[in-house]
């Protein structure tokens, strides 16, 4: 078309169109076709198409997936950082200085002598009187004396623990996390879970209130700082603070990224991509096992796991905000620009804004000189907790939330018990961690295949049932059959990991967009009640009887499976955006096709 002809620039906007026409030296906008539907619906339809295919979909998937490999480093890092020495016992430094061997000291100070390994106390002889004697003279001197009581090595001055372990191999010798201080060793793993406990709900609320990317950015920065603090901590308390920060940032990296992926991919890819998202954890565990095979000092290993966290800068640059979250907050213009890559036509924006404004708001917009009314403090406090009130505000959502809280707690408990239980099974640590990572990958593949043909509810129930049975069968196997016991535990873990992926996806689909991340965050908080309990169950109850941890897991996971049957099916269901959208009985029975 020549320059002196009418110049037209046509904007295709889903079901409607507009064009600009040059007429008499000025531009005028002409409405070509009426637009059925609103701006929000146009963005949602465009997002569905964009999330169904193309480069954008795969870039988003990789950007959301890779940060969680870092989380996989720390799921089982405690197995190496806090590994127990092969043997430990108490020695008397003053006798060592006089030339006594450790075996000679143990034969004098322990009733069972050097034949007994893993001792935390010794006989309360007057060791100062023995300093001028050799071993034979001391035996002769003590043979007719009655045996004294025992004293704790860690609580008695002039005594110290000796560890059969290379220097710096773990945190245990560095801070004497042994004997009556064993609980402090478990607390190192509990600190990570505590961080996840608080971080899940905190970052979940931040993500729903201020955006997925904003929450992710804060978590990424916290991750780097906490990793460095953990690696170079000079005292035990700073180690705990670093681990708490790692746990909190792990939740902050995981759930906003998961919400970004779930909200922006099309229905066709939602199931398998949401499950494949979880591959990051076992990949991280496999890298951890490989790194621990070559790097033995715990600080060097921690540093090696910290260096990749600086790559998060790439994610902060390329990740974008979720258009669906922007729509839920009323930012239609910005969401349109992100989906279509251009500014939204003014006609659509004006129409959308008019539809959203009430008569009172229109009047207030006209009278701009009138100051807005002051919002009472009580109303502001209520608004700040709006996500909680929406989550538990209706009987349907409240029931779903409570069931999810329990199932997540149990699933996390069993996941961490099977991950940390290597010592109770007398298994090789590197092989055990590598095996758990490989089992997790297999579990996610199986869960993707199952979800392609079956619904979320039936899949989660079957996986719960399978895992519970496998863990309870361990009771019938003698401990000496290490290979068989570990095999059954890994078969149970396969079911646990598969159901973890399913319940994460199911939970994301059960709740509307405006509270989805809050629901995921609080469920994760409850999950970490289980992960907090796991190290104590493994380290303390496992010492009483090696089969107690797996039995607890087997029973609770069967109960969780029964409760899962009370959830509605969400396969192929359209995601809801607002909690006020009513859930009818028919929707509970039959998901809405998208």
Protein backbone atom coordinates (compact mmCIF):
# COMPACT_ATOMS: atom_id res chain seq x y z
CA UNK A 1 0.00 0.00 0.00
CA UNK A 2 1.46 3.42 -1.01
CA UNK A 3 2.29 6.17 1.47
CA UNK A 4 -0.57 8.49 0.32
CA UNK A 5 -3.13 5.78 0.89
CA UNK A 6 -4.75 5.22 4.27
CA UNK A 7 -2.17 3.55 6.50
CA UNK A 8 -3.47 0.74 8.69
CA UNK A 9 -1.79 -1.02 11.57
CA UNK A 10 -3.99 -3.91 12.71
CA UNK A 11 -3.75 -5.33 16.26
CA UNK A 12 -5.08 -8.85 16.54
CA UNK A 13 -6.21 -9.49 20.09
CA UNK A 14 -7.64 -12.97 20.40
CA UNK A 15 -11.32 -12.61 19.34
CA UNK A 16 -11.22 -8.84 18.66
CA UNK A 17 -9.28 -6.37 16.51
CA UNK A 18 -8.43 -2.68 16.39
CA UNK A 19 -6.58 -0.56 13.83
CA UNK A 20 -5.00 2.86 13.65
CA UNK A 21 -5.86 4.92 10.59
CA UNK A 22 -4.04 8.01 9.33
CA UNK A 23 -6.65 10.55 8.23
CA UNK A 24 -6.02 14.19 7.42
CA UNK A 25 -2.62 14.30 9.09
CA UNK A 26 -3.74 12.91 12.41
CA UNK A 27 -4.07 9.42 13.83
CA UNK A 28 -7.38 8.05 14.92
CA UNK A 29 -8.17 4.67 16.38
CA UNK A 30 -11.09 2.82 14.83
CA UNK A 31 -12.91 -0.07 16.45
CA UNK A 32 -13.00 -2.80 13.84
CA UNK A 33 -14.69 -5.57 15.78
CA UNK A 34 -16.22 -5.86 19.23
CA UNK A 35 -14.22 -7.88 21.69
CA UNK A 36 -16.11 -10.66 23.44
CA UNK A 37 -14.72 -11.30 26.91
CA UNK A 38 -12.41 -9.16 29.02
CA UNK A 39 -8.70 -8.43 29.05
CA UNK A 40 -8.06 -11.01 31.76
CA UNK A 41 -9.66 -13.78 29.73
CA UNK A 42 -7.63 -12.79 26.67
CA UNK A 43 -4.41 -13.01 28.71
CA UNK A 44 -5.39 -16.41 30.13
CA UNK A 45 -6.14 -17.77 26.67
CA UNK A 46 -2.86 -16.40 25.37
CA UNK A 47 -0.99 -17.88 28.35
CA UNK A 48 -2.55 -21.28 27.72
CA UNK A 49 -1.34 -21.22 24.13
CA UNK A 50 2.11 -19.91 25.08
CA UNK A 51 2.47 -22.55 27.81
CA UNK A 52 1.55 -25.35 25.44
CA UNK A 53 4.57 -25.21 23.12
CA UNK A 54 7.56 -23.18 22.03
CA UNK A 55 10.96 -22.05 23.29
CA UNK A 56 9.48 -19.97 26.13
CA UNK A 57 8.02 -23.10 27.72
CA UNK A 58 11.36 -24.94 27.77
CA UNK A 59 13.36 -21.94 28.99
CA UNK A 60 10.90 -21.50 31.87
CA UNK A 61 11.10 -25.21 32.70
CA UNK A 62 14.92 -25.20 32.85
CA UNK A 63 15.05 -21.96 34.86
CA UNK A 64 12.62 -23.36 37.43
CA UNK A 65 14.17 -26.83 37.56
CA UNK A 66 17.90 -26.16 37.98
CA UNK A 67 17.94 -24.14 41.25
CA UNK A 68 16.47 -27.06 43.11
CA UNK A 69 19.47 -29.21 42.30
CA UNK A 70 21.13 -27.13 45.02
CA UNK A 71 18.44 -28.27 47.45
CA UNK A 72 19.26 -31.86 46.62
CA UNK A 73 22.79 -31.26 47.89
CA UNK A 74 21.51 -30.69 51.41
CA UNK A 75 18.82 -33.38 51.66
CA UNK A 76 21.41 -36.01 52.56
CA UNK A 77 24.55 -33.91 53.19
CA UNK A 78 24.12 -34.64 56.91
CA UNK A 79 25.02 -38.28 56.18
CA UNK A 80 28.54 -37.08 55.28
CA UNK A 81 28.93 -33.92 57.37
CA UNK A 82 27.82 -35.70 60.53
CA UNK A 83 29.18 -39.19 59.85
CA UNK A 84 30.08 -41.18 62.93
CA UNK A 85 33.71 -42.28 63.42
CA UNK A 86 34.55 -45.97 63.12
CA UNK A 87 35.45 -46.05 66.81
CA UNK A 88 35.65 -43.60 69.69
CA UNK A 89 36.75 -43.86 73.31
CA UNK A 90 38.11 -41.84 76.21
CA UNK A 91 41.82 -41.36 76.86
CA UNK A 92 43.87 -39.79 79.65
CA UNK A 93 46.22 -37.18 78.04
CA UNK A 94 48.65 -37.21 80.99
CA UNK A 95 49.20 -40.97 80.55
CA UNK A 96 49.63 -40.57 76.80
CA UNK A 97 52.37 -38.04 77.49
CA UNK A 98 54.09 -40.65 79.73
CA UNK A 99 54.26 -43.06 76.80
CA UNK A 100 51.17 -45.19 77.42
CA UNK A 101 49.42 -46.57 74.33
CA UNK A 102 45.69 -46.11 73.86
CA UNK A 103 45.06 -49.83 74.27
CA UNK A 104 46.93 -49.85 77.58
CA UNK A 105 44.85 -46.91 78.84
CA UNK A 106 41.61 -48.59 77.74
CA UNK A 107 42.56 -51.87 79.43
CA UNK A 108 43.05 -49.97 82.68
CA UNK A 109 40.08 -47.58 82.41
CA UNK A 110 37.34 -49.72 80.82
CA UNK A 111 35.95 -52.92 82.28
CA UNK A 112 35.81 -54.65 78.89
CA UNK A 113 39.20 -53.23 77.94
CA UNK A 114 40.22 -52.44 74.38
CA UNK A 115 37.82 -55.08 73.04
CA UNK A 116 34.88 -52.69 73.54
CA UNK A 117 34.37 -49.98 70.92
CA UNK A 118 32.31 -46.81 71.12
CA UNK A 119 32.69 -45.96 74.82
CA UNK A 120 31.90 -42.61 76.44
CA UNK A 121 33.07 -43.13 80.03
CA UNK A 122 35.91 -44.68 82.03
CA UNK A 123 36.61 -45.96 85.53
CA UNK A 124 37.24 -43.20 88.05
CA UNK A 125 40.74 -44.23 89.11
CA UNK A 126 43.22 -41.71 90.52
CA UNK A 127 45.09 -41.33 87.24
CA UNK A 128 47.50 -38.78 88.70
CA UNK A 129 48.86 -41.59 90.90
CA UNK A 130 49.50 -43.70 87.79
CA UNK A 131 51.51 -41.06 85.93
CA UNK A 132 54.83 -42.22 87.45
CA UNK A 133 54.19 -45.91 86.57
CA UNK A 134 54.37 -47.91 83.41
CA UNK A 135 51.52 -50.16 82.28
CA UNK A 136 52.69 -53.31 84.08
CA UNK A 137 53.29 -51.44 87.33
CA UNK A 138 49.84 -49.86 87.13
CA UNK A 139 48.21 -53.27 86.61
CA UNK A 140 49.96 -54.64 89.66
CA UNK A 141 49.01 -51.54 91.67
CA UNK A 142 45.32 -51.73 90.80
CA UNK A 143 44.66 -55.46 90.80
CA UNK A 144 43.62 -55.69 94.46
CA UNK A 145 41.67 -52.43 94.56
CA UNK A 146 37.84 -52.42 94.25
CA UNK A 147 36.47 -51.11 90.98
CA UNK A 148 35.40 -47.46 91.24
CA UNK A 149 32.38 -45.97 89.52
CA UNK A 150 32.46 -44.59 85.98
CA UNK A 151 32.64 -40.92 84.98
CA UNK A 152 31.66 -39.20 81.75
CA UNK A 153 34.61 -38.39 79.53
CA UNK A 154 33.08 -35.15 78.19
CA UNK A 155 32.12 -33.87 81.63
CA UNK A 156 35.38 -34.58 83.47
CA UNK A 157 38.42 -32.31 83.39
CA UNK A 158 41.68 -33.90 82.31
CA UNK A 159 40.01 -36.41 79.95
CA UNK A 160 39.34 -36.23 76.22
CA UNK A 161 37.68 -38.25 73.50
CA UNK A 162 39.68 -39.94 70.77
CA UNK A 163 38.12 -40.62 67.35
CA UNK A 164 39.17 -43.15 64.73
CA UNK A 165 38.50 -40.75 61.88
CA UNK A 166 40.67 -38.62 59.63
CA UNK A 167 41.04 -35.03 60.79
CA UNK A 168 38.22 -32.72 59.66
CA UNK A 169 36.25 -35.56 58.08
CA UNK A 170 33.04 -34.63 59.92
CA UNK A 171 31.57 -32.22 62.44
CA UNK A 172 31.46 -34.92 65.17
CA UNK A 173 35.09 -34.70 66.42
CA UNK A 174 35.23 -30.94 65.92
CA UNK A 175 32.53 -30.23 68.51
CA UNK A 176 32.37 -33.62 70.33
CA UNK A 177 28.87 -34.40 69.04
CA UNK A 178 28.90 -37.85 70.62
CA UNK A 179 27.73 -39.73 73.72
CA UNK A 180 25.43 -37.48 75.78
CA UNK A 181 25.86 -34.82 73.07
CA UNK A 182 24.45 -37.05 70.32
CA UNK A 183 21.27 -34.97 70.20
CA UNK A 184 23.39 -31.97 69.19
CA UNK A 185 24.59 -33.94 66.18
CA UNK A 186 20.98 -34.65 65.18
CA UNK A 187 20.16 -30.97 65.72
CA UNK A 188 22.45 -30.07 62.80
CA UNK A 189 19.98 -31.80 60.48
CA UNK A 190 17.01 -30.54 62.49
CA UNK A 191 18.30 -26.97 61.96
CA UNK A 192 17.91 -27.48 58.21
CA UNK A 193 14.37 -28.73 58.72
CA UNK A 194 13.57 -25.85 61.08
CA UNK A 195 14.70 -23.45 58.40
CA UNK A 196 12.42 -25.16 55.92
CA UNK A 197 9.64 -25.10 58.51
CA UNK A 198 9.75 -21.32 58.85
CA UNK A 199 10.89 -20.60 55.31
CA UNK A 200 8.07 -22.53 53.65
CA UNK A 201 5.27 -20.48 55.20
CA UNK A 202 7.20 -17.19 55.12
CA UNK A 203 8.28 -17.41 51.49
CA UNK A 204 4.88 -18.86 50.55
CA UNK A 205 3.12 -15.78 51.90
CA UNK A 206 5.75 -13.44 50.40
CA UNK A 207 5.30 -15.17 47.06
CA UNK A 208 1.52 -14.73 47.07
CA UNK A 209 1.70 -11.15 48.34
CA UNK A 210 4.69 -9.68 46.46
CA UNK A 211 5.21 -12.07 43.57
CA UNK A 212 6.98 -15.30 42.69
CA UNK A 213 10.16 -13.69 41.40
CA UNK A 214 10.51 -11.29 44.34
CA UNK A 215 10.28 -14.18 46.79
CA UNK A 216 12.75 -16.23 44.72
CA UNK A 217 15.25 -13.34 44.65
CA UNK A 218 15.29 -12.97 48.45
CA UNK A 219 15.69 -16.73 48.87
CA UNK A 220 18.57 -16.91 46.39
CA UNK A 221 20.53 -14.21 48.22
CA UNK A 222 19.87 -15.91 51.57
CA UNK A 223 21.03 -19.21 50.09
CA UNK A 224 24.45 -17.84 49.12
CA UNK A 225 25.02 -16.15 52.50
CA UNK A 226 23.90 -19.23 54.48
CA UNK A 227 26.07 -21.58 52.42
CA UNK A 228 29.16 -19.51 53.15
CA UNK A 229 28.27 -19.27 56.85
CA UNK A 230 27.86 -23.04 57.08
CA UNK A 231 31.17 -23.69 55.34
CA UNK A 232 33.31 -21.31 57.38
CA UNK A 233 31.51 -21.38 60.75
CA UNK A 234 34.12 -21.31 63.55
CA UNK A 235 31.65 -22.28 66.29
CA UNK A 236 28.78 -24.73 66.55
CA UNK A 237 26.05 -22.10 66.97
CA UNK A 238 27.01 -20.39 63.69
CA UNK A 239 26.86 -23.76 61.96
CA UNK A 240 23.27 -24.12 63.17
CA UNK A 241 22.39 -20.60 61.99
CA UNK A 242 23.85 -21.37 58.58
CA UNK A 243 21.87 -24.59 58.33
CA UNK A 244 18.66 -22.79 59.35
CA UNK A 245 19.31 -20.22 56.62
CA UNK A 246 19.94 -22.98 54.10
CA UNK A 247 16.65 -24.64 54.99
CA UNK A 248 14.68 -21.41 54.77
CA UNK A 249 16.21 -20.44 51.44
CA UNK A 250 15.68 -23.96 50.09
CA UNK A 251 11.94 -23.54 50.57
CA UNK A 252 12.12 -20.03 49.13
CA UNK A 253 13.86 -21.31 46.00
CA UNK A 254 11.63 -24.37 45.59
CA UNK A 255 8.02 -23.24 46.02
CA UNK A 256 7.99 -19.95 44.07
CA UNK A 257 9.71 -21.75 41.18
CA UNK A 258 7.18 -24.59 41.39
CA UNK A 259 4.29 -22.11 41.46
CA UNK A 260 5.78 -20.28 38.44
CA UNK A 261 5.95 -23.51 36.49
CA UNK A 262 2.49 -24.78 37.51
CA UNK A 263 0.77 -21.49 36.72
CA UNK A 264 2.34 -20.91 33.31
CA UNK A 265 2.48 -24.28 31.58
CA UNK A 266 -0.47 -25.55 29.57
CA UNK A 267 -2.80 -28.26 30.77
CA UNK A 268 -1.23 -30.74 28.33
CA UNK A 269 2.19 -30.48 30.02
CA UNK A 270 1.17 -29.69 33.60
CA UNK A 271 1.32 -33.24 34.96
CA UNK A 272 4.61 -34.46 33.55
CA UNK A 273 6.48 -31.17 33.90
CA UNK A 274 5.35 -30.74 37.51
CA UNK A 275 6.67 -34.23 38.27
CA UNK A 276 9.84 -33.76 36.22
CA UNK A 277 10.44 -30.60 38.26
CA UNK A 278 11.23 -32.89 41.19
CA UNK A 279 14.10 -34.57 39.30
CA UNK A 280 16.27 -31.76 40.62
CA UNK A 281 16.41 -33.29 44.12
CA UNK A 282 17.76 -36.74 43.18
CA UNK A 283 20.15 -35.19 40.64
CA UNK A 284 21.52 -33.11 43.49
CA UNK A 285 21.82 -36.22 45.67
CA UNK A 286 23.79 -38.06 42.97
CA UNK A 287 26.15 -35.08 42.63
CA UNK A 288 26.48 -35.05 46.43
CA UNK A 289 27.44 -38.74 46.53
CA UNK A 290 30.00 -38.22 43.76
CA UNK A 291 31.49 -35.14 45.43
CA UNK A 292 31.67 -36.90 48.82
CA UNK A 293 33.50 -39.83 47.21
CA UNK A 294 36.38 -37.55 46.20
CA UNK A 295 36.16 -34.83 48.88
CA UNK A 296 36.33 -36.07 52.47
CA UNK A 297 36.89 -33.08 54.80
CA UNK A 298 33.42 -31.73 55.60
CA UNK A 299 34.34 -28.06 55.12
CA UNK A 300 35.83 -28.76 51.69
CA UNK A 301 32.72 -30.73 50.74
CA UNK A 302 30.46 -27.91 51.96
CA UNK A 303 32.46 -25.39 49.93
CA UNK A 304 32.18 -27.55 46.82
CA UNK A 305 28.39 -27.61 47.30
CA UNK A 306 28.33 -23.83 47.83
CA UNK A 307 30.13 -22.71 44.67
CA UNK A 308 27.28 -23.65 42.25
CA UNK A 309 24.89 -21.38 44.19
CA UNK A 310 26.51 -18.32 42.56
CA UNK A 311 24.90 -19.44 39.28
CA UNK A 312 21.57 -18.27 40.74
CA UNK A 313 22.49 -14.82 39.39
CA UNK A 314 21.57 -16.16 35.93
CA UNK A 315 18.11 -17.13 37.18
CA UNK A 316 17.56 -13.74 38.80
CA UNK A 317 18.25 -12.10 35.43
CA UNK A 318 16.11 -14.32 33.20
CA UNK A 319 13.18 -15.34 35.41
CA UNK A 320 10.00 -13.29 34.97
CA UNK A 321 6.96 -12.78 37.14
CA UNK A 322 3.98 -15.12 36.78
CA UNK A 323 1.31 -13.57 34.50
CA UNK A 324 -1.39 -15.53 36.31
CA UNK A 325 -0.26 -14.03 39.64
CA UNK A 326 -0.30 -10.55 38.07
CA UNK A 327 -3.88 -11.14 36.94
CA UNK A 328 -4.90 -12.25 40.43
CA UNK A 329 -3.54 -8.91 41.73
CA UNK A 330 -5.28 -6.84 39.07
CA UNK A 331 -2.19 -6.05 36.95
CA UNK A 332 -3.78 -6.92 33.58
CA UNK A 333 -1.65 -4.49 31.54
CA UNK A 334 1.63 -5.95 32.78
CA UNK A 335 0.38 -9.52 32.37
CA UNK A 336 -0.69 -8.78 28.78
CA UNK A 337 2.75 -7.35 27.99
CA UNK A 338 4.47 -10.42 29.39
CA UNK A 339 2.30 -12.88 27.47
CA UNK A 340 2.07 -11.11 24.10
CA UNK A 341 5.31 -9.11 24.22
CA UNK A 342 3.62 -5.76 23.51
CA UNK A 343 1.57 -3.10 25.18
CA UNK A 344 -2.11 -3.86 25.63
CA UNK A 345 -4.49 -1.83 23.37
CA UNK A 346 -6.01 1.10 25.23
CA UNK A 347 -9.58 0.13 24.27
CA UNK A 348 -9.20 -3.19 26.08
CA UNK A 349 -7.54 -1.56 29.09
CA UNK A 350 -10.19 1.15 29.39
CA UNK A 351 -12.96 -1.43 29.14
CA UNK A 352 -11.31 -3.69 31.74
CA UNK A 353 -10.75 -0.82 34.17
CA UNK A 354 -14.35 0.36 33.86
CA UNK A 355 -15.62 -3.13 34.54
CA UNK A 356 -13.48 -3.36 37.68
CA UNK A 357 -14.46 0.04 39.16
CA UNK A 358 -17.51 0.40 41.35
CA UNK A 359 -19.59 3.61 41.19
CA UNK A 360 -17.99 4.77 44.44
CA UNK A 361 -14.49 4.22 43.03
CA UNK A 362 -15.40 6.12 39.85
CA UNK A 363 -16.64 9.04 41.95
CA UNK A 364 -13.46 8.96 44.01
CA UNK A 365 -11.36 8.97 40.84
CA UNK A 366 -13.21 12.06 39.61
CA UNK A 367 -12.85 13.87 42.92
CA UNK A 368 -9.09 13.46 43.16
CA UNK A 369 -8.81 16.28 45.65
CA UNK A 370 -10.75 14.28 48.22
CA UNK A 371 -8.29 12.25 50.35
CA UNK A 372 -8.99 8.52 50.67
CA UNK A 373 -10.62 7.41 53.92
CA UNK A 374 -8.24 6.18 56.62
CA UNK A 375 -8.23 2.40 56.93
CA UNK A 376 -8.64 1.23 60.56
CA UNK A 377 -5.78 -0.72 62.14
CA UNK A 378 -7.98 -3.78 62.65
CA UNK A 379 -8.87 -3.85 58.96
CA UNK A 380 -5.19 -3.56 57.96
CA UNK A 381 -4.25 -6.45 60.26
CA UNK A 382 -7.10 -8.52 58.86
CA UNK A 383 -5.95 -7.78 55.30
CA UNK A 384 -2.39 -8.86 56.14
CA UNK A 385 -3.73 -12.29 57.16
CA UNK A 386 -6.15 -12.53 54.26
CA UNK A 387 -4.32 -15.50 52.73
CA UNK A 388 -4.84 -17.52 55.93
CA UNK A 389 -8.52 -16.62 56.20
CA UNK A 390 -9.09 -17.54 52.56
CA UNK A 391 -7.28 -20.87 52.98
CA UNK A 392 -9.42 -21.97 55.94
CA UNK A 393 -12.44 -19.79 55.20
CA UNK A 394 -14.74 -22.45 53.73
CA UNK A 395 -15.41 -26.01 54.97
CA UNK A 396 -14.26 -27.44 51.64
CA UNK A 397 -10.91 -25.63 51.54
CA UNK A 398 -10.36 -26.16 55.28
CA UNK A 399 -10.89 -29.92 54.96
CA UNK A 400 -8.52 -30.10 52.00
CA UNK A 401 -5.88 -28.07 53.85
CA UNK A 402 -5.97 -30.20 57.01
CA UNK A 403 -5.69 -33.46 55.06
CA UNK A 404 -2.81 -32.01 53.02
CA UNK A 405 -1.05 -30.94 56.23
CA UNK A 406 -1.09 -34.50 57.58
CA UNK A 407 -0.16 -36.24 54.32
CA UNK A 408 2.74 -33.85 53.70
CA UNK A 409 3.99 -34.31 57.27
CA UNK A 410 3.96 -38.10 57.02
CA UNK A 411 5.45 -38.17 53.53
CA UNK A 412 8.31 -35.88 54.57
CA UNK A 413 8.95 -37.90 57.73
CA UNK A 414 9.31 -41.12 55.75
CA UNK A 415 11.33 -39.44 52.99
CA UNK A 416 13.95 -38.18 55.43
CA UNK A 417 13.99 -41.31 57.60
CA UNK A 418 14.83 -43.45 54.57
CA UNK A 419 17.42 -40.88 53.44
CA UNK A 420 19.26 -40.72 56.78
CA UNK A 421 18.98 -44.34 57.91
CA UNK A 422 22.29 -45.61 56.48
CA UNK A 423 23.98 -46.13 59.86
CA UNK A 424 21.09 -48.18 61.28
CA UNK A 425 21.29 -50.42 58.21
CA UNK A 426 25.11 -50.66 58.42
CA UNK A 427 25.25 -49.56 54.77
CA UNK A 428 28.02 -47.78 52.85
CA UNK A 429 27.20 -44.05 52.92
CA UNK A 430 28.19 -43.19 49.35
CA UNK A 431 26.39 -46.19 47.91
CA UNK A 432 23.32 -45.54 50.10
CA UNK A 433 22.99 -41.88 49.08
CA UNK A 434 23.59 -42.69 45.40
CA UNK A 435 21.00 -45.46 45.62
CA UNK A 436 18.39 -43.18 47.20
CA UNK A 437 18.98 -40.60 44.44
CA UNK A 438 18.65 -43.24 41.72
CA UNK A 439 15.49 -44.61 43.33
CA UNK A 440 14.04 -41.09 43.42
CA UNK A 441 14.63 -40.63 39.68
CA UNK A 442 12.96 -43.96 38.96
CA UNK A 443 10.06 -42.99 41.23
CA UNK A 444 9.45 -39.74 39.36
CA UNK A 445 9.50 -41.54 36.01
CA UNK A 446 6.96 -44.06 37.30
CA UNK A 447 4.77 -41.31 38.74
CA UNK A 448 4.76 -39.48 35.37
CA UNK A 449 3.68 -42.65 33.59
CA UNK A 450 0.97 -43.38 36.16
CA UNK A 451 -0.39 -39.82 36.08
CA UNK A 452 -0.67 -39.98 32.30
CA UNK A 453 -3.38 -42.63 32.67
CA UNK A 454 -4.79 -42.26 36.19
CA UNK A 455 -5.99 -39.44 38.41
CA UNK A 456 -4.13 -37.76 41.25
CA UNK A 457 -6.26 -39.28 44.00
CA UNK A 458 -6.04 -42.92 42.89
CA UNK A 459 -2.31 -42.61 42.14
CA UNK A 460 -1.44 -41.14 45.53
CA UNK A 461 -3.51 -43.77 47.38
CA UNK A 462 -1.83 -46.65 45.55
CA UNK A 463 1.66 -45.25 46.14
CA UNK A 464 0.90 -44.70 49.84
CA UNK A 465 -0.36 -48.28 50.18
CA UNK A 466 2.65 -49.74 48.35
CA UNK A 467 5.19 -47.76 50.42
CA UNK A 468 3.53 -48.63 53.72
CA UNK A 469 3.51 -52.36 52.98
CA UNK A 470 7.18 -52.37 51.89
CA UNK A 471 8.32 -50.59 55.05
CA UNK A 472 6.35 -52.90 57.34
CA UNK A 473 7.67 -56.04 55.64
CA UNK A 474 11.14 -54.99 56.89
CA UNK A 475 9.99 -56.26 60.31
CA UNK A 476 10.17 -59.83 59.04
CA UNK A 477 13.82 -59.52 57.89
CA UNK A 478 16.80 -60.06 60.25
CA UNK A 479 19.19 -57.12 60.52
CA UNK A 480 22.11 -59.29 59.37
CA UNK A 481 20.53 -59.48 55.91
CA UNK A 482 21.71 -55.94 55.13
CA UNK A 483 21.21 -56.19 51.36
CA UNK A 484 17.62 -57.43 51.69
CA UNK A 485 16.76 -54.85 54.36
CA UNK A 486 18.16 -51.97 52.30
CA UNK A 487 16.39 -53.30 49.19
CA UNK A 488 13.01 -53.30 50.95
CA UNK A 489 13.68 -49.84 52.41
CA UNK A 490 14.54 -48.55 48.93
CA UNK A 491 11.39 -50.12 47.47
CA UNK A 492 9.43 -48.31 50.16
CA UNK A 493 11.27 -45.09 49.38
CA UNK A 494 10.32 -45.48 45.74
CA UNK A 495 6.66 -45.30 46.73
CA UNK A 496 7.31 -42.40 49.15
CA UNK A 497 9.13 -40.34 46.53
CA UNK A 498 6.49 -41.04 43.90
CA UNK A 499 3.69 -40.00 46.24
CA UNK A 500 5.64 -36.89 47.27
CA UNK A 501 5.57 -35.75 43.65
CA UNK A 502 1.88 -36.58 43.26
CA UNK A 503 0.71 -34.84 46.45
CA UNK A 504 2.73 -31.72 45.57
CA UNK A 505 0.99 -31.48 42.20
CA UNK A 506 -2.39 -32.44 43.69
CA UNK A 507 -2.09 -29.76 46.38
CA UNK A 508 -1.18 -27.09 43.81
CA UNK A 509 -4.32 -27.97 41.85
CA UNK A 510 -6.63 -28.14 44.89
CA UNK A 511 -6.23 -24.45 45.80
CA UNK A 512 -6.87 -21.25 43.79
CA UNK A 513 -4.12 -19.00 42.46
CA UNK A 514 -4.45 -16.23 45.06
CA UNK A 515 -3.67 -18.67 47.91
CA UNK A 516 -1.89 -21.46 46.03
CA UNK A 517 1.59 -20.58 47.23
CA UNK A 518 0.30 -19.93 50.75
CA UNK A 519 -1.25 -23.42 50.73
CA UNK A 520 1.96 -24.97 49.39
CA UNK A 521 4.02 -23.02 51.90
CA UNK A 522 1.94 -24.02 54.93
CA UNK A 523 1.78 -27.64 53.75
CA UNK A 524 5.55 -27.56 53.43
CA UNK A 525 5.75 -26.11 56.94
CA UNK A 526 3.78 -29.08 58.23
CA UNK A 527 5.93 -31.40 56.13
CA UNK A 528 8.97 -30.17 57.98
CA UNK A 529 7.42 -31.13 61.28
CA UNK A 530 8.06 -34.61 59.92
CA UNK A 531 11.55 -33.78 58.68
CA UNK A 532 12.39 -32.24 62.08
CA UNK A 533 11.36 -35.45 63.82
CA UNK A 534 13.20 -37.70 61.34
CA UNK A 535 16.81 -37.25 62.61
CA UNK A 536 15.76 -37.90 66.22
CA UNK A 537 13.79 -40.98 65.19
CA UNK A 538 16.79 -42.27 63.22
CA UNK A 539 19.53 -41.40 65.74
CA UNK A 540 17.77 -41.93 69.08
CA UNK A 541 14.96 -44.46 68.50
CA UNK A 542 17.12 -46.28 65.96
CA UNK A 543 19.64 -46.96 68.72
CA UNK A 544 16.94 -48.71 70.77
CA UNK A 545 15.94 -50.97 67.88
CA UNK A 546 16.99 -50.68 64.25
CA UNK A 547 13.46 -51.46 62.95
CA UNK A 548 11.59 -48.72 64.88
CA UNK A 549 12.06 -45.92 62.27
CA UNK A 550 10.71 -47.95 59.34
CA UNK A 551 7.80 -49.28 61.42
CA UNK A 552 6.69 -45.77 62.41
CA UNK A 553 6.85 -44.76 58.76
CA UNK A 554 4.92 -47.79 57.53
CA UNK A 555 1.98 -47.27 59.91
CA UNK A 556 1.61 -43.48 59.45
CA UNK A 557 1.89 -43.66 55.68
CA UNK A 558 -1.01 -46.14 55.48
CA UNK A 559 -3.17 -43.72 57.47
CA UNK A 560 -2.21 -40.89 55.10
CA UNK A 561 -3.25 -43.03 52.14
CA UNK A 562 -6.73 -43.51 53.59
CA UNK A 563 -7.19 -39.77 54.12
CA UNK A 564 -6.16 -39.04 50.53
CA UNK A 565 -9.37 -40.72 49.33
CA UNK A 566 -11.33 -37.75 50.75
CA UNK A 567 -9.80 -35.36 48.20
CA UNK A 568 -11.54 -34.53 44.89
CA UNK A 569 -9.95 -35.56 41.61
CA UNK A 570 -8.21 -32.65 39.81
CA UNK A 571 -6.87 -34.26 36.66
CA UNK A 572 -7.69 -32.07 33.60
CA UNK A 573 -9.45 -29.59 35.88
CA UNK A 574 -9.18 -25.84 35.22
CA UNK A 575 -7.16 -24.01 37.85
CA UNK A 576 -9.27 -21.61 39.88
CA UNK A 577 -7.95 -18.12 40.55
CA UNK A 578 -9.97 -16.95 43.56
CA UNK A 579 -11.08 -18.58 46.81
CA UNK A 580 -14.52 -17.01 46.45
CA UNK A 581 -15.23 -19.25 43.46
CA UNK A 582 -17.63 -21.76 44.95
CA UNK A 583 -16.86 -25.48 44.84
CA UNK A 584 -20.06 -27.30 44.03
CA UNK A 585 -20.75 -30.97 44.75
CA UNK A 586 -20.69 -31.67 41.02
CA UNK A 587 -17.21 -30.15 40.77
CA UNK A 588 -16.06 -32.39 43.59
CA UNK A 589 -17.22 -35.42 41.64
CA UNK A 590 -16.37 -34.37 38.08
CA UNK A 591 -13.42 -32.07 37.25
CA UNK A 592 -14.17 -29.21 34.86
CA UNK A 593 -12.61 -29.83 31.47
CA UNK A 594 -10.45 -27.07 30.16
